[in-house]
C-alpha cells in the first residue's frame, strides 16, 4: 500500500518530425488505498502516464514517489507493483494454478506449499477455484481475466496498475467484471491505478477520476464532482452519457442573452459573470436536464425534431431551431415515437446550467441559481 505522487512529470518521445510530448508537466497524487482511474481520449497520454508510474518508461523530467520514497529511477521489479494489461497474457501451456503461482515465484521466500495455499485462497476469492487445473484456452474471457487479476494480486503489491483490462470483453462481460473489480477493491485495500477511455467504467469504479487531454491533467475529482462541477468545456463534453448542449451567450443588464432566449440572472451573480467573462459566455445544459413543456408560454424556446435515438427507457431527441447553429439534445420517455418535424417547447432550471468563459472554456459557475460565494470558482 502506497500513496503515489508525481511532480512536474514529463515524457517526450523523439519522432521523425521532432519531439512529441506525451505527458506534459503533470502534478498529481493518488491516495493510499484509493481506486484512481486515468481517463481520456485516445492519444491523450494516459497509458504513458501509467507506464511511468510503473517504471516501464523513464521520464524525461520530473519525479515519482511511492509514499516519501523516490522511485523515479527504480526498475518495475523494485517498486513492488503488479500490472494487468489489455492483453491478458497468461502462459498458455501453464495451468491456471501455475499461472497464479508464477506471481509469487520470484518475489517471495514462501515454500511451495505456502505458495499453493495462497493460490488456493486467491482462487476462492475470485471464484475460479474449480478452474485451477485447467489451461487458459479452456476458460472464457471473463475467467481468464479473473485469473490474470489473481496472478497480480497474489503478490500483495503496494500499487496495482491496470491498463484497459476490459477493452477486449463484450458488454455483458464488462458489466460483470466491473462488479468483480468493485468487490476486489473492497477485499484488497491497495492503491489502484486504472486506465480506460470508457467513462462508464471510470464513473462506476473510481474513488477519483484523473481526466487527461493533450498530455495534461484537466481535472482530478470524484466521479460526482467531475460530472456536476466540470472545470472547463472539455470536461463537460467528455463526461456524461449524452453530449452536452453548448449555447453561446452574452452577459448584459442582469441577463444572459442568447440567439434563442434570454435568462434573468440574480444581480450579484450576473455582475460576477460579466466581470469574469472575457468575450461572452457559453452555457452548458445536459440533455437530461432539458424539460419539455406543453404550454409555449412556459418555454424558453421551441425546437423542431430532426431525428431520435432509442436509449432503452427513453429517447434522445436531436432537434434544431433557426436561431441556433448547433443541434439541441434532450430526452423524452419512450412512449410513442415522435413524428418527423414535430415541435417541442423546452425549458430548464437555472440550477442545471453551467457557465463557461467563451474564449478560454474555463468554468465560471456551475449553477445560475446559487449565490456566487458558494459557486463561483
Protein backbone atom coordinates (compact mmCIF):
# COMPACT_ATOMS: atom_id res chain seq x y z
CA UNK A 1 0.00 0.00 0.00
CA UNK A 2 1.38 3.36 -1.00
CA UNK A 3 0.48 6.93 -1.81
CA UNK A 4 1.64 7.70 -5.37
CA UNK A 5 2.86 11.20 -6.15
CA UNK A 6 4.04 12.70 -9.45
CA UNK A 7 5.80 16.05 -9.54
CA UNK A 8 6.16 18.02 -12.78
CA UNK A 9 6.28 14.71 -14.66
CA UNK A 10 7.11 14.95 -18.37
CA UNK A 11 7.71 12.34 -21.04
CA UNK A 12 8.79 13.29 -24.56
CA UNK A 13 9.38 10.91 -27.47
CA UNK A 14 11.56 11.59 -30.50
CA UNK A 15 9.71 11.35 -33.82
CA UNK A 16 10.76 11.98 -37.45
CA UNK A 17 9.01 15.34 -37.17
CA UNK A 18 10.68 16.34 -33.92
CA UNK A 19 9.71 15.85 -30.30
CA UNK A 20 6.28 14.66 -29.20
CA UNK A 21 5.28 15.35 -25.60
CA UNK A 22 3.06 12.55 -24.33
CA UNK A 23 2.97 13.63 -20.66
CA UNK A 24 3.33 17.34 -20.04
CA UNK A 25 4.37 18.59 -16.59
CA UNK A 26 1.86 16.58 -14.55
CA UNK A 27 1.43 17.04 -10.82
CA UNK A 28 -0.90 14.56 -9.13
CA UNK A 29 -1.41 12.43 -6.05
CA UNK A 30 -3.17 9.06 -5.84
CA UNK A 31 -4.14 8.46 -2.23
CA UNK A 32 -3.19 5.29 -0.38
CA UNK A 33 -5.80 2.51 -0.84
CA UNK A 34 -7.79 4.54 -3.39
CA UNK A 35 -9.06 3.45 -6.80
CA UNK A 36 -7.97 6.16 -9.26
CA UNK A 37 -8.92 5.96 -12.93
CA UNK A 38 -6.87 7.75 -15.57
CA UNK A 39 -9.43 8.64 -18.22
CA UNK A 40 -9.20 10.42 -21.54
CA UNK A 41 -9.48 10.19 -25.31
CA UNK A 42 -7.10 8.13 -27.44
CA UNK A 43 -3.64 9.67 -27.62
CA UNK A 44 -4.05 11.87 -24.53
CA UNK A 45 -1.09 10.26 -22.70
CA UNK A 46 -2.95 8.16 -20.13
CA UNK A 47 -1.16 4.86 -20.86
CA UNK A 48 2.21 6.63 -20.94
CA UNK A 49 1.45 8.11 -17.51
CA UNK A 50 0.58 4.66 -16.15
CA UNK A 51 3.79 3.20 -17.62
CA UNK A 52 5.80 5.99 -15.99
CA UNK A 53 4.22 5.23 -12.62
CA UNK A 54 5.03 1.54 -13.15
CA UNK A 55 8.63 2.16 -14.19
CA UNK A 56 8.13 0.79 -17.72
CA UNK A 57 9.02 4.22 -19.12
CA UNK A 58 11.69 6.63 -17.90
CA UNK A 59 10.53 10.23 -17.51
CA UNK A 60 12.22 12.99 -19.47
CA UNK A 61 11.94 15.12 -16.34
CA UNK A 62 10.07 15.19 -13.05
CA UNK A 63 9.82 12.86 -10.09
CA UNK A 64 7.71 9.91 -8.91
CA UNK A 65 7.29 8.93 -5.25
CA UNK A 66 5.68 5.97 -3.51
CA UNK A 67 4.87 7.44 -0.12
CA UNK A 68 8.00 9.52 0.58
CA UNK A 69 10.35 7.19 -1.32
CA UNK A 70 11.65 8.45 -4.66
CA UNK A 71 11.17 5.68 -7.25
CA UNK A 72 11.75 7.70 -10.44
CA UNK A 73 14.78 5.64 -11.47
CA UNK A 74 13.77 2.32 -9.91
CA UNK A 75 13.02 -0.70 -12.08
CA UNK A 76 9.45 -2.08 -12.03
CA UNK A 77 10.56 -5.17 -10.08
CA UNK A 78 11.97 -2.90 -7.37
CA UNK A 79 8.73 -0.96 -6.87
CA UNK A 80 6.52 -3.79 -5.55
CA UNK A 81 3.85 -3.24 -8.18
CA UNK A 82 1.62 -5.57 -10.15
CA UNK A 83 0.09 -4.89 -13.55
CA UNK A 84 -2.71 -6.26 -15.69
CA UNK A 85 -2.59 -5.29 -19.34
CA UNK A 86 -5.14 -5.09 -22.14
CA UNK A 87 -3.99 -8.49 -23.38
CA UNK A 88 -4.36 -10.97 -20.52
CA UNK A 89 -1.02 -12.66 -21.34
CA UNK A 90 -1.45 -15.84 -19.32
CA UNK A 91 1.04 -18.58 -20.12
CA UNK A 92 -0.99 -20.84 -22.44
CA UNK A 93 0.80 -24.09 -21.52
CA UNK A 94 0.58 -23.49 -17.75
CA UNK A 95 -2.48 -24.36 -15.71
CA UNK A 96 -4.33 -21.53 -14.01
CA UNK A 97 -2.77 -22.68 -10.74
CA UNK A 98 0.73 -22.40 -12.25
CA UNK A 99 -0.09 -19.02 -13.79
CA UNK A 100 -1.22 -17.54 -10.48
CA UNK A 101 1.67 -19.15 -8.61
CA UNK A 102 4.07 -17.54 -11.10
CA UNK A 103 3.19 -14.24 -9.47
CA UNK A 104 4.91 -15.47 -6.31
CA UNK A 105 7.81 -17.33 -7.88
CA UNK A 106 10.41 -14.55 -7.89
CA UNK A 107 9.08 -12.16 -5.26
CA UNK A 108 8.66 -14.23 -2.11
CA UNK A 109 10.50 -16.64 0.15
CA UNK A 110 7.44 -18.81 0.62
CA UNK A 111 7.76 -22.56 0.31
CA UNK A 112 5.91 -24.36 -2.48
CA UNK A 113 3.26 -25.48 -0.01
CA UNK A 114 2.78 -21.90 1.27
CA UNK A 115 2.62 -20.58 -2.28
CA UNK A 116 -0.03 -23.14 -3.20
CA UNK A 117 -2.04 -22.19 -0.11
CA UNK A 118 -2.04 -18.53 -1.20
CA UNK A 119 -3.05 -19.55 -4.74
CA UNK A 120 -5.96 -21.59 -3.38
CA UNK A 121 -7.07 -18.69 -1.19
CA UNK A 122 -6.90 -16.22 -4.10
CA UNK A 123 -8.80 -18.58 -6.42
CA UNK A 124 -11.63 -18.90 -3.88
CA UNK A 125 -11.91 -15.13 -3.56
CA UNK A 126 -12.09 -14.77 -7.36
CA UNK A 127 -14.44 -17.74 -7.77
CA UNK A 128 -12.09 -19.68 -10.06
CA UNK A 129 -11.12 -22.42 -7.60
CA UNK A 130 -12.65 -25.15 -9.78
CA UNK A 131 -10.62 -23.91 -12.77
CA UNK A 132 -7.15 -24.11 -11.20
CA UNK A 133 -6.12 -27.24 -13.10
CA UNK A 134 -7.41 -26.05 -16.48
CA UNK A 135 -5.37 -24.26 -19.17
CA UNK A 136 -6.21 -20.68 -20.24
CA UNK A 137 -7.58 -21.88 -23.58
CA UNK A 138 -10.29 -23.81 -21.73
CA UNK A 139 -11.60 -20.68 -19.98
CA UNK A 140 -13.96 -17.90 -21.05
CA UNK A 141 -12.70 -14.35 -21.47
CA UNK A 142 -14.03 -13.31 -18.08
CA UNK A 143 -12.48 -16.32 -16.36
CA UNK A 144 -9.10 -15.61 -17.95
CA UNK A 145 -9.35 -12.00 -16.78
CA UNK A 146 -10.02 -13.12 -13.20
CA UNK A 147 -7.02 -15.47 -13.41
CA UNK A 148 -4.84 -12.55 -14.54
CA UNK A 149 -6.14 -10.46 -11.63
CA UNK A 150 -5.31 -13.32 -9.28
CA UNK A 151 -1.75 -13.59 -10.58
CA UNK A 152 -1.27 -9.86 -10.00
CA UNK A 153 -2.92 -9.65 -6.58
CA UNK A 154 -1.41 -12.76 -5.02
CA UNK A 155 1.88 -10.86 -4.71
CA UNK A 156 0.25 -8.35 -2.34
CA UNK A 157 1.70 -5.34 -4.20
CA UNK A 158 1.86 -1.81 -2.84
CA UNK A 159 0.45 -0.46 -6.12
CA UNK A 160 -1.81 -2.34 -8.55
CA UNK A 161 -1.98 -0.91 -12.09
CA UNK A 162 -4.45 -1.91 -14.81
CA UNK A 163 -4.20 -0.80 -18.45
CA UNK A 164 -7.60 -1.09 -20.19
CA UNK A 165 -8.10 -4.67 -18.93
CA UNK A 166 -11.70 -4.90 -20.17
CA UNK A 167 -11.33 -3.47 -23.67
CA UNK A 168 -11.48 -6.91 -25.31
CA UNK A 169 -14.58 -8.08 -23.41
CA UNK A 170 -18.12 -7.87 -24.70
CA UNK A 171 -20.56 -5.52 -22.96
CA UNK A 172 -22.16 -8.19 -20.77
CA UNK A 173 -18.77 -9.39 -19.54
CA UNK A 174 -17.66 -5.80 -18.93
CA UNK A 175 -20.62 -5.21 -16.61
CA UNK A 176 -19.84 -8.43 -14.74
CA UNK A 177 -16.13 -7.56 -14.48
CA UNK A 178 -16.91 -4.08 -13.15
CA UNK A 179 -18.77 -5.75 -10.29
CA UNK A 180 -15.80 -8.08 -9.75
CA UNK A 181 -13.37 -5.18 -9.62
CA UNK A 182 -15.56 -3.30 -7.12
CA UNK A 183 -15.53 -6.35 -4.84
CA UNK A 184 -11.78 -6.79 -5.33
CA UNK A 185 -11.20 -3.17 -4.36
CA UNK A 186 -13.10 -3.73 -1.11
CA UNK A 187 -11.30 -7.01 -0.37
CA UNK A 188 -7.79 -5.80 -1.25
CA UNK A 189 -7.18 -2.33 0.21
CA UNK A 190 -4.24 -1.39 -2.00
CA UNK A 191 -3.62 1.63 -4.22
CA UNK A 192 -5.03 1.07 -7.70
CA UNK A 193 -4.40 2.97 -10.92
CA UNK A 194 -6.71 2.09 -13.79
CA UNK A 195 -6.51 3.33 -17.38
CA UNK A 196 -9.54 3.48 -19.66
CA UNK A 197 -11.16 5.58 -22.38
CA UNK A 198 -14.60 4.35 -21.22
CA UNK A 199 -16.19 6.94 -18.95
CA UNK A 200 -18.82 4.48 -17.72
CA UNK A 201 -16.05 2.28 -16.31
CA UNK A 202 -14.43 5.32 -14.72
CA UNK A 203 -17.64 6.64 -13.14
CA UNK A 204 -18.64 3.19 -11.88
CA UNK A 205 -15.33 2.01 -10.42
CA UNK A 206 -13.43 5.03 -9.20
CA UNK A 207 -12.92 6.82 -5.94
CA UNK A 208 -11.28 9.50 -8.07
CA UNK A 209 -11.02 10.24 -11.80
CA UNK A 210 -7.93 11.78 -13.38
CA UNK A 211 -9.10 13.19 -16.71
CA UNK A 212 -6.37 13.89 -19.28
CA UNK A 213 -6.23 15.76 -22.57
CA UNK A 214 -3.18 16.55 -24.71
CA UNK A 215 -0.76 15.19 -22.12
CA UNK A 216 -2.14 17.26 -19.24
CA UNK A 217 -4.46 16.57 -16.33
CA UNK A 218 -7.51 18.79 -16.87
CA UNK A 219 -9.38 17.67 -13.74
CA UNK A 220 -8.83 15.27 -10.84
CA UNK A 221 -12.04 14.80 -8.85
CA UNK A 222 -14.52 12.29 -7.51
CA UNK A 223 -16.97 10.87 -10.09
CA UNK A 224 -19.80 13.01 -8.73
CA UNK A 225 -17.78 16.22 -8.73
CA UNK A 226 -16.32 15.76 -12.20
CA UNK A 227 -19.86 15.28 -13.58
CA UNK A 228 -21.53 18.06 -11.60
CA UNK A 229 -18.68 20.59 -11.46
CA UNK A 230 -16.58 20.32 -14.66
CA UNK A 231 -13.53 22.57 -14.75
CA UNK A 232 -14.00 23.50 -18.39
CA UNK A 233 -15.90 22.82 -21.61
CA UNK A 234 -13.73 19.79 -22.49
CA UNK A 235 -14.58 18.07 -19.20
CA UNK A 236 -18.30 18.84 -19.59
CA UNK A 237 -18.27 17.43 -23.13
CA UNK A 238 -16.26 14.30 -22.28
CA UNK A 239 -18.14 13.30 -19.12
CA UNK A 240 -21.77 12.26 -19.49
CA UNK A 241 -23.68 9.66 -21.48
CA UNK A 242 -25.11 12.25 -23.87
CA UNK A 243 -23.25 15.15 -25.44
CA UNK A 244 -23.90 18.34 -23.51
CA UNK A 245 -25.75 21.25 -25.13
CA UNK A 246 -23.48 24.28 -25.55
CA UNK A 247 -25.07 27.64 -26.33
CA UNK A 248 -23.11 30.89 -26.65
CA UNK A 249 -24.45 33.99 -24.96
CA UNK A 250 -23.66 37.49 -23.74
CA UNK A 251 -23.98 38.68 -20.13
CA UNK A 252 -25.61 42.11 -20.07
CA UNK A 253 -28.12 44.10 -17.99
CA UNK A 254 -28.65 41.32 -15.45
CA UNK A 255 -29.32 38.73 -18.12
CA UNK A 256 -27.53 36.22 -20.28
CA UNK A 257 -28.77 36.75 -23.82
CA UNK A 258 -28.51 34.03 -26.46
CA UNK A 259 -29.89 33.97 -30.02
CA UNK A 260 -32.72 31.67 -28.81
CA UNK A 261 -33.64 33.04 -25.37
CA UNK A 262 -32.73 35.39 -22.53
CA UNK A 263 -32.19 34.30 -18.92
CA UNK A 264 -32.62 36.58 -15.92
CA UNK A 265 -29.70 36.10 -13.52
CA UNK A 266 -29.51 37.15 -9.84
CA UNK A 267 -27.87 40.57 -9.69
CA UNK A 268 -24.69 39.73 -7.78
CA UNK A 269 -24.12 36.59 -9.84
CA UNK A 270 -24.75 38.48 -13.08
CA UNK A 271 -22.14 41.09 -12.12
CA UNK A 272 -19.61 38.40 -11.23
CA UNK A 273 -20.16 36.54 -14.53
CA UNK A 274 -19.86 39.76 -16.54
CA UNK A 275 -16.58 40.63 -14.81
CA UNK A 276 -15.05 37.18 -15.38
CA UNK A 277 -16.18 36.62 -18.97
CA UNK A 278 -13.52 37.93 -21.34
CA UNK A 279 -15.59 37.72 -24.51
CA UNK A 280 -19.04 36.28 -23.88
CA UNK A 281 -20.04 33.03 -22.19
CA UNK A 282 -21.03 29.50 -23.17
CA UNK A 283 -23.94 27.87 -21.39
CA UNK A 284 -23.81 24.11 -20.81
CA UNK A 285 -27.04 22.18 -20.23
CA UNK A 286 -27.07 18.39 -20.15
CA UNK A 287 -29.81 16.70 -22.24
CA UNK A 288 -31.22 15.03 -19.12
CA UNK A 289 -31.79 18.48 -17.60
CA UNK A 290 -33.76 19.89 -20.55
CA UNK A 291 -37.51 19.82 -19.84
CA UNK A 292 -40.36 19.54 -22.35
CA UNK A 293 -43.44 21.65 -21.51
CA UNK A 294 -46.85 21.72 -23.18
CA UNK A 295 -47.53 25.43 -22.93
CA UNK A 296 -45.29 27.60 -25.17
CA UNK A 297 -45.59 30.43 -22.63
CA UNK A 298 -43.77 28.24 -20.09
CA UNK A 299 -40.92 27.54 -22.52
CA UNK A 300 -37.67 29.38 -23.12
CA UNK A 301 -37.54 28.31 -26.77
CA UNK A 302 -39.08 25.93 -29.32
CA UNK A 303 -37.26 23.37 -31.47
CA UNK A 304 -38.10 21.05 -34.35
CA UNK A 305 -37.10 17.38 -34.20
CA UNK A 306 -34.59 16.14 -36.78
CA UNK A 307 -34.12 12.56 -35.56
CA UNK A 308 -34.04 10.50 -32.37
CA UNK A 309 -32.15 7.59 -30.83
CA UNK A 310 -33.56 4.75 -28.74
CA UNK A 311 -31.79 4.67 -25.36
CA UNK A 312 -33.75 1.79 -23.81
CA UNK A 313 -36.03 3.52 -21.32
CA UNK A 314 -36.02 6.88 -23.15
CA UNK A 315 -35.48 8.58 -26.48
CA UNK A 316 -32.65 11.03 -27.14
CA UNK A 317 -34.09 13.68 -29.44
CA UNK A 318 -31.89 15.76 -31.75
CA UNK A 319 -33.63 18.99 -32.73
CA UNK A 320 -32.87 22.37 -34.22
CA UNK A 321 -34.09 25.92 -34.15
CA UNK A 322 -33.23 28.63 -36.72
CA UNK A 323 -31.72 30.87 -34.04
CA UNK A 324 -29.05 28.33 -33.02
CA UNK A 325 -26.34 26.86 -35.23
CA UNK A 326 -25.93 23.68 -33.16
CA UNK A 327 -28.28 20.77 -32.58
CA UNK A 328 -30.19 20.74 -29.28
CA UNK A 329 -30.42 17.38 -27.48
CA UNK A 330 -32.92 16.30 -24.86
CA UNK A 331 -34.58 13.12 -23.61
CA UNK A 332 -38.24 12.10 -23.56
CA UNK A 333 -39.97 8.94 -22.28
CA UNK A 334 -40.14 6.13 -24.81
CA UNK A 335 -43.93 6.06 -25.02
CA UNK A 336 -44.56 6.89 -28.66
CA UNK A 337 -42.07 7.69 -31.37
CA UNK A 338 -42.15 11.38 -32.36
CA UNK A 339 -43.12 12.41 -35.87
CA UNK A 340 -40.68 13.99 -38.31
CA UNK A 341 -40.73 17.75 -37.88
CA UNK A 342 -42.55 17.57 -34.54
CA UNK A 343 -42.09 20.67 -32.39
CA UNK A 344 -41.11 20.72 -28.72
CA UNK A 345 -41.27 23.58 -26.25
CA UNK A 346 -38.22 23.48 -23.99
CA UNK A 347 -37.03 24.97 -20.71
CA UNK A 348 -34.59 24.12 -17.89
CA UNK A 349 -33.86 25.02 -14.28
CA UNK A 350 -31.23 27.68 -13.58
CA UNK A 351 -29.57 25.28 -11.13
CA UNK A 352 -28.80 22.94 -14.05
CA UNK A 353 -26.83 25.46 -16.13
CA UNK A 354 -23.03 25.58 -16.30
CA UNK A 355 -21.45 28.85 -17.41
CA UNK A 356 -18.06 28.82 -19.16
CA UNK A 357 -15.89 31.63 -20.43
CA UNK A 358 -16.41 31.61 -24.18
CA UNK A 359 -12.79 32.35 -25.01
CA UNK A 360 -10.88 30.12 -22.57
CA UNK A 361 -13.54 27.46 -22.00
CA UNK A 362 -12.90 27.60 -18.24
CA UNK A 363 -15.86 27.30 -15.85
CA UNK A 364 -17.18 30.49 -14.26
CA UNK A 365 -20.03 28.93 -12.27
CA UNK A 366 -21.78 25.55 -12.10
CA UNK A 367 -25.22 26.98 -11.41
CA UNK A 368 -27.14 30.15 -12.21
CA UNK A 369 -29.27 29.72 -9.09
CA UNK A 370 -26.57 29.54 -6.41
CA UNK A 371 -25.05 32.52 -4.59
CA UNK A 372 -21.63 33.35 -6.10
CA UNK A 373 -19.92 32.98 -2.70
CA UNK A 374 -20.74 29.28 -2.81
CA UNK A 375 -20.47 28.52 -6.51
CA UNK A 376 -18.03 30.93 -8.09
CA UNK A 377 -14.65 29.38 -8.90
